Amino acid sequence: MYEFEQISAGELMVQLAQRLQSRRLEKGLSRQALADLSGVPAPTIARFEQHHAISLRQYIDLAMALGYTDALKELMQAPIYKTMEELETIRVNQNRKRGSHAKRG
């Protein structure tokens, strides 16, 4: 069983929204200025910062506009494992292109 950090998707969205807002404010950008840079409408930025709802595409557009393209490209770049058994499974499956087939009985 996996024992990764226990955080809900909602809690992660809150953290991401807070970080994006902090980065925007650090750069001295209004929501409209970030909207102009990213192509994401200012009301969508406000909804994300206040209600933590946004599409993945819009989040990527915002992050890229703030200079985080390289950080996004690093997400899930390398496998994460907790045990040697899991590492071996990753090694065996590292070049797979599809999920496993259901066994026929």
Protein backbone atom coordinates (compact mmCIF):
# COMPACT_ATOMS: atom_id res chain seq x y z
CA MET A 1 0.00 0.00 0.00
CA TYR A 2 1.24 3.47 -0.83
CA GLU A 3 2.03 5.86 1.99
CA PHE A 4 2.32 9.15 0.17
CA GLU A 5 1.53 12.44 1.88
CA GLN A 6 -2.11 12.52 2.86
CA ILE A 7 -3.59 15.64 1.30
CA SER A 8 -6.87 15.95 -0.53
CA ALA A 9 -7.14 17.29 -4.05
CA GLY A 10 -9.11 20.21 -2.63
CA GLU A 11 -6.35 21.05 -0.14
CA LEU A 12 -3.77 20.89 -2.92
CA MET A 13 -5.87 23.23 -5.07
CA VAL A 14 -6.00 25.72 -2.17
CA GLN A 15 -2.20 25.59 -1.87
CA LEU A 16 -1.70 26.03 -5.61
CA ALA A 17 -4.10 28.98 -5.71
CA GLN A 18 -2.37 30.65 -2.76
CA ARG A 19 1.05 30.15 -4.34
CA LEU A 20 -0.07 31.50 -7.68
CA GLN A 21 -1.57 34.57 -6.02
CA SER A 22 1.65 35.11 -4.02
CA ARG A 23 3.80 34.85 -7.15
CA ARG A 24 1.48 37.25 -9.01
CA LEU A 25 1.61 39.81 -6.19
CA GLU A 26 5.40 39.46 -5.78
CA LYS A 27 5.76 40.45 -9.43
CA GLY A 28 3.46 43.43 -8.87
CA LEU A 29 0.87 42.15 -11.31
CA SER A 30 -2.84 42.84 -11.11
CA ARG A 31 -5.19 40.08 -12.17
CA GLN A 32 -5.82 42.01 -15.39
CA ALA A 33 -2.09 42.30 -16.10
CA LEU A 34 -1.66 38.55 -15.59
CA ALA A 35 -4.72 37.97 -17.78
CA ASP A 36 -3.08 40.03 -20.53
CA LEU A 37 0.15 38.03 -20.23
CA SER A 38 -1.48 34.60 -20.03
CA GLY A 39 -4.65 34.84 -22.08
CA VAL A 40 -6.64 33.60 -19.07
CA PRO A 41 -9.55 35.98 -18.30
CA ALA A 42 -9.19 38.05 -15.11
CA PRO A 43 -12.49 36.68 -13.67
CA THR A 44 -11.08 33.15 -14.08
CA ILE A 45 -7.95 34.18 -12.17
CA ALA A 46 -10.13 35.68 -9.43
CA ARG A 47 -12.24 32.49 -9.26
CA PHE A 48 -9.09 30.39 -8.91
CA GLU A 49 -7.59 32.60 -6.20
CA GLN A 50 -10.86 32.78 -4.26
CA HIS A 51 -12.58 29.46 -4.97
CA HIS A 52 -9.67 27.29 -6.16
CA ALA A 53 -11.32 26.19 -9.41
CA ILE A 54 -9.53 26.29 -12.78
CA SER A 55 -8.82 24.05 -15.74
CA LEU A 56 -5.42 22.43 -16.01
CA ARG A 57 -4.82 24.28 -19.30
CA GLN A 58 -5.56 27.65 -17.70
CA TYR A 59 -3.36 26.85 -14.69
CA ILE A 60 -0.51 25.97 -17.03
CA ASP A 61 -1.04 29.20 -19.00
CA LEU A 62 -0.87 31.22 -15.76
CA ALA A 63 2.20 29.41 -14.44
CA MET A 64 4.00 29.85 -17.76
CA ALA A 65 3.14 33.57 -17.83
CA LEU A 66 4.71 33.86 -14.38
CA GLY A 67 7.90 32.13 -15.55
CA TYR A 68 7.33 28.61 -14.25
CA THR A 69 7.60 26.68 -17.53
CA ASP A 70 10.69 24.74 -16.40
CA ALA A 71 9.10 23.88 -13.05
CA LEU A 72 6.02 22.53 -14.83
CA LYS A 73 8.17 20.44 -17.15
CA GLU A 74 9.81 18.82 -14.12
CA LEU A 75 6.50 17.58 -12.68
CA MET A 76 6.38 13.79 -12.65
CA GLN A 77 9.66 13.67 -14.60
CA ALA A 78 11.17 10.95 -12.43
CA PRO A 79 9.45 7.99 -10.79
CA ILE A 80 8.78 8.11 -7.06
CA TYR A 81 8.98 4.94 -4.97
CA LYS A 82 8.92 3.98 -1.32
CA THR A 83 10.28 0.42 -1.37
CA MET A 84 12.87 -1.56 -3.31
CA GLU A 85 10.04 -3.78 -4.58
CA GLU A 86 8.27 -0.76 -6.00
CA LEU A 87 11.53 0.44 -7.57
CA GLU A 88 11.94 -2.96 -9.26
CA THR A 89 8.38 -2.79 -10.59
CA ILE A 90 9.11 0.66 -11.98
CA ARG A 91 12.33 -0.60 -13.58
CA VAL A 92 10.55 -3.53 -15.23
CA ASN A 93 7.70 -1.33 -16.51
CA GLN A 94 9.62 1.84 -17.39
CA ASN A 95 9.13 1.54 -21.15
CA ARG A 96 5.48 0.42 -21.12
CA LYS A 97 3.14 2.32 -23.36
CA ARG A 98 -0.15 0.73 -22.23
CA GLY A 99 -1.80 -0.61 -19.09
CA SER A 100 -1.92 -4.32 -18.34
CA HIS A 101 -4.36 -6.60 -20.12
CA ALA A 102 -7.06 -8.26 -18.09
CA LYS A 103 -6.28 -11.92 -17.49
CA ARG A 104 -8.59 -14.29 -19.27
CA GLY A 105 -9.66 -17.30 -17.36
